[in-house]
Protein backbone atom coordinates (compact mmCIF):
# COMPACT_ATOMS: atom_id res chain seq x y z
CA UNK A 1 88.06 81.63 184.68
CA UNK A 2 90.03 84.55 183.26
CA UNK A 3 92.02 82.18 181.05
CA UNK A 4 88.81 80.61 179.73
CA UNK A 5 87.37 84.01 178.92
CA UNK A 6 90.61 84.97 177.15
CA UNK A 7 90.51 81.78 175.05
CA UNK A 8 86.89 82.38 174.08
CA UNK A 9 87.76 85.93 173.09
CA UNK A 10 90.75 84.88 170.95
CA UNK A 11 88.93 81.98 169.16
CA UNK A 12 86.80 84.18 166.84
CA UNK A 13 89.94 86.10 165.85
CA UNK A 14 91.72 82.86 164.94
CA UNK A 15 88.72 81.69 162.92
CA UNK A 16 88.57 85.02 161.15
CA UNK A 17 92.25 84.81 160.21
CA UNK A 18 91.83 81.21 159.01
CA UNK A 19 88.85 82.20 156.87
CA UNK A 20 90.84 84.94 155.12
CA UNK A 21 93.84 82.74 154.34
CA UNK A 22 91.76 79.84 153.03
CA UNK A 23 90.80 82.02 150.07
CA UNK A 24 94.32 82.96 149.02
CA UNK A 25 93.47 82.27 145.38
CA UNK A 26 91.15 85.26 145.48
CA UNK A 27 93.88 87.45 146.93
CA UNK A 28 96.71 86.38 144.63
CA UNK A 29 97.23 88.36 141.42
CA UNK A 30 95.76 86.77 138.31
CA UNK A 31 98.25 84.71 136.29
CA UNK A 32 99.93 86.68 133.50
CA UNK A 33 98.58 85.82 130.06
CA UNK A 34 100.93 84.05 127.68
CA UNK A 35 102.83 86.34 125.34
CA UNK A 36 100.87 86.84 122.15
CA UNK A 37 102.37 85.60 118.89
CA UNK A 38 103.88 88.24 116.70
CA UNK A 39 101.57 89.13 113.82
CA UNK A 40 102.52 87.32 110.64
CA UNK A 41 104.34 89.45 108.04
CA UNK A 42 102.84 87.33 105.26
CA UNK A 43 99.49 87.82 103.57
CA UNK A 44 96.81 85.22 104.13
CA UNK A 45 96.02 82.58 101.52
CA UNK A 46 92.33 83.31 101.02
CA UNK A 47 92.72 84.62 97.46
CA UNK A 48 95.14 82.01 96.09
CA UNK A 49 92.38 80.22 94.20
CA UNK A 50 91.34 83.47 92.48
CA UNK A 51 93.02 84.20 89.17
CA UNK A 52 95.11 87.39 89.09
CA UNK A 53 93.23 90.41 87.73
CA UNK A 54 94.32 91.60 84.32
CA UNK A 55 96.21 94.87 84.51
CA UNK A 56 96.17 97.27 81.61
CA UNK A 57 99.43 98.02 79.82
CA UNK A 58 101.24 101.12 80.98
CA UNK A 59 100.40 100.56 84.64
CA UNK A 60 103.97 99.65 85.52
CA UNK A 61 103.21 95.99 86.11
CA UNK A 62 103.66 92.87 84.02
CA UNK A 63 101.98 92.74 80.62
CA UNK A 64 101.39 89.81 78.28
CA UNK A 65 103.92 89.41 75.50
CA UNK A 66 103.48 88.01 72.04
CA UNK A 67 106.20 85.49 72.76
CA UNK A 68 105.17 81.87 72.90
CA UNK A 69 106.24 80.23 76.15
CA UNK A 70 109.33 78.11 75.70
CA UNK A 71 108.73 74.70 74.24
CA UNK A 72 109.69 71.68 76.33
CA UNK A 73 113.41 70.99 76.39
CA UNK A 74 115.51 67.96 76.95
CA UNK A 75 117.28 68.98 80.14
CA UNK A 76 117.61 66.08 82.55
CA UNK A 77 114.79 66.00 85.16
CA UNK A 78 117.18 66.70 88.00
CA UNK A 79 119.22 69.35 86.22
CA UNK A 80 119.29 72.98 87.32
CA UNK A 81 116.56 73.88 84.84
CA UNK A 82 113.89 71.47 83.74
CA UNK A 83 111.27 72.48 81.18
CA UNK A 84 108.27 70.24 81.74
CA UNK A 85 107.23 68.31 78.65
CA UNK A 86 103.80 69.60 77.65
CA UNK A 87 103.32 70.98 81.14
CA UNK A 88 102.06 68.96 84.09
CA UNK A 89 99.54 69.62 86.82
CA UNK A 90 100.70 70.61 90.28
CA UNK A 91 100.95 67.67 92.69
CA UNK A 92 97.83 66.65 94.57
CA UNK A 93 98.79 68.13 97.91
CA UNK A 94 97.01 70.10 100.61
CA UNK A 95 99.21 72.45 102.62
CA UNK A 96 98.60 74.70 105.60
CA UNK A 97 98.77 78.46 105.27
CA UNK A 98 101.33 80.19 107.50
CA UNK A 99 98.68 82.63 108.74
CA UNK A 100 96.18 79.88 109.53
CA UNK A 101 92.72 79.49 108.07
CA UNK A 102 91.60 76.78 105.67
CA UNK A 103 94.27 74.48 104.21
CA UNK A 104 95.16 75.16 100.58
CA UNK A 105 94.81 72.59 97.81
CA UNK A 106 97.93 73.21 95.75
CA UNK A 107 96.22 72.39 92.45
CA UNK A 108 93.66 75.10 93.17
CA UNK A 109 96.26 77.87 93.24
CA UNK A 110 95.24 79.99 90.26
CA UNK A 111 97.84 80.75 87.63
CA UNK A 112 99.81 82.35 86.28
CA UNK A 113 101.86 81.78 89.40
CA UNK A 114 105.47 81.56 90.54
CA UNK A 115 105.86 79.17 93.47
CA UNK A 116 109.11 79.38 95.43
CA UNK A 117 110.18 76.64 97.86
CA UNK A 118 112.45 78.01 100.58
CA UNK A 119 113.66 77.78 104.17
CA UNK A 120 115.25 80.25 106.56
CA UNK A 121 118.32 78.01 107.04
CA UNK A 122 119.07 78.00 103.28
CA UNK A 123 121.52 80.81 102.28
CA UNK A 124 120.53 81.02 98.58
CA UNK A 125 116.87 81.07 99.63
CA UNK A 126 117.50 84.08 101.86
CA UNK A 127 119.46 85.76 99.09
CA UNK A 128 116.71 85.48 96.49
CA UNK A 129 113.58 86.10 98.60
CA UNK A 130 113.72 89.93 98.22
CA UNK A 131 113.65 89.48 94.42
CA UNK A 132 110.50 87.38 94.73
CA UNK A 133 108.92 90.07 96.88
CA UNK A 134 109.73 92.68 94.22
CA UNK A 135 108.32 90.37 91.55
CA UNK A 136 105.07 90.09 93.52
CA UNK A 137 104.83 93.90 93.54
CA UNK A 138 105.85 94.50 89.92
CA UNK A 139 103.63 91.75 88.54
CA UNK A 140 100.61 92.43 90.76
CA UNK A 141 97.45 91.68 88.83
CA UNK A 142 99.25 89.51 86.29
CA UNK A 143 100.62 86.63 88.31
CA UNK A 144 100.73 85.38 91.87
CA UNK A 145 103.89 84.80 93.86
CA UNK A 146 103.50 82.07 96.47
CA UNK A 147 106.07 80.74 98.92
CA UNK A 148 106.29 77.21 100.26
CA UNK A 149 108.25 77.12 103.51
CA UNK A 150 109.91 73.71 103.73
CA UNK A 151 111.21 71.89 106.84
CA UNK A 152 111.61 75.09 108.79
CA UNK A 153 110.77 76.49 112.21
CA UNK A 154 107.92 78.94 112.45
CA UNK A 155 110.13 81.44 114.25
CA UNK A 156 112.82 81.21 111.58
CA UNK A 157 110.36 81.76 108.75
CA UNK A 158 108.68 84.61 110.60
CA UNK A 159 111.99 86.38 111.20
CA UNK A 160 112.93 86.12 107.53
CA UNK A 161 109.61 87.65 106.54
CA UNK A 162 110.09 90.50 108.98
CA UNK A 163 113.75 91.15 108.17
CA UNK A 164 113.44 90.96 104.39
CA UNK A 165 109.99 92.51 104.02
CA UNK A 166 108.45 89.39 102.46
CA UNK A 167 104.69 89.81 102.24
CA UNK A 168 103.36 87.31 99.69
CA UNK A 169 101.38 84.29 100.97
CA UNK A 170 103.33 81.39 102.43
CA UNK A 171 102.30 77.74 102.57
CA UNK A 172 103.91 75.37 105.07
CA UNK A 173 105.41 72.01 104.05
CA UNK A 174 107.22 70.60 107.08
CA UNK A 175 107.41 67.11 105.59
CA UNK A 176 108.90 68.16 102.23
CA UNK A 177 105.91 66.58 100.48
CA UNK A 178 106.17 68.90 97.47
CA UNK A 179 109.86 68.15 96.98
CA UNK A 180 109.18 64.42 97.17
CA UNK A 181 106.41 64.68 94.58
CA UNK A 182 108.74 66.63 92.28
CA UNK A 183 111.64 64.25 93.02
CA UNK A 184 113.78 67.17 94.09
CA UNK A 185 116.02 67.25 97.14
CA UNK A 186 117.63 70.68 97.05
CA UNK A 187 116.16 74.11 97.61
CA UNK A 188 115.58 76.83 96.56
CA UNK A 189 113.18 75.47 93.99
CA UNK A 190 110.90 77.59 91.80
CA UNK A 191 107.88 76.45 89.78
CA UNK A 192 106.43 78.52 86.93
CA UNK A 193 102.73 77.71 86.56
CA UNK A 194 100.69 78.96 83.58
CA UNK A 195 97.12 80.24 83.52
CA UNK A 196 95.83 76.71 82.98
CA UNK A 197 97.52 75.44 86.12
CA UNK A 198 100.25 73.59 84.23
CA UNK A 199 103.81 73.61 85.51
CA UNK A 200 105.81 74.96 82.57
CA UNK A 201 109.23 75.09 84.18
CA UNK A 202 111.05 74.06 87.35
CA UNK A 203 114.18 75.99 88.26
CA UNK A 204 116.84 74.81 90.70
CA UNK A 205 119.76 76.85 89.42
CA UNK A 206 120.42 78.63 92.72
CA UNK A 207 119.55 82.12 93.90
CA UNK A 208 117.56 84.07 91.31
CA UNK A 209 117.83 87.83 90.98
CA UNK A 210 115.43 90.33 89.40
CA UNK A 211 116.85 89.95 85.91
CA UNK A 212 116.79 86.14 85.93
CA UNK A 213 113.27 86.07 87.33
CA UNK A 214 111.98 88.50 84.71
CA UNK A 215 113.60 86.42 81.97
CA UNK A 216 112.10 83.17 83.24
CA UNK A 217 108.64 84.69 83.63
CA UNK A 218 108.78 86.01 80.07
CA UNK A 219 110.17 82.80 78.66
CA UNK A 220 107.83 80.35 80.37
CA UNK A 221 104.70 82.35 81.19
CA UNK A 222 104.74 84.89 78.34
CA UNK A 223 104.60 87.91 80.65
CA UNK A 224 106.89 90.94 80.51
CA UNK A 225 107.90 92.02 84.01
CA UNK A 226 110.06 95.06 84.74
CA UNK A 227 113.40 93.85 86.12
């Protein structure tokens, strides 16, 4: 009889313990949220279809020159510099923006514009990117500088932007679609696009510095940019 009473007394305690442990999910700490992505160093692409605002002379930025953009040359299409006969429209491509948002129709990028194709694994690309950033600052309001990150990892591109202070908008071309359309294999590759959206010059001569960039912008887009 005493044993039966003891068992009856212990049973509610066992049930109580079982009830508490059956809800262990409520007692366990909540799972830690995934680490948030680092904020992108690049600007978004929302304004790429808006033409650059005209900046008055004397403001320290690029100003129109009276020079006529260089006439088409006879350099071989795959040479280091290739003036485009009569100009040609940008390829019919739609690329993602590094920061997300709506995809960008390349032909809708408003000129004048300098479009640089690059990758983090490309030494001359890394060497010249700071000059393109300075160009984007010096020529603000006169032309747009746009990057196209080609066949690269997101982390690699992000680190380059952070380390080198690159802030201009970046499009993503993992499949090298732009290079295929232009029949170009090597990067860096830089397109000079006039106010009418025509590609006036394609440069593949290697890493460009401030002086070379200023010269090319003046020669092919008719804008004077401080070097």
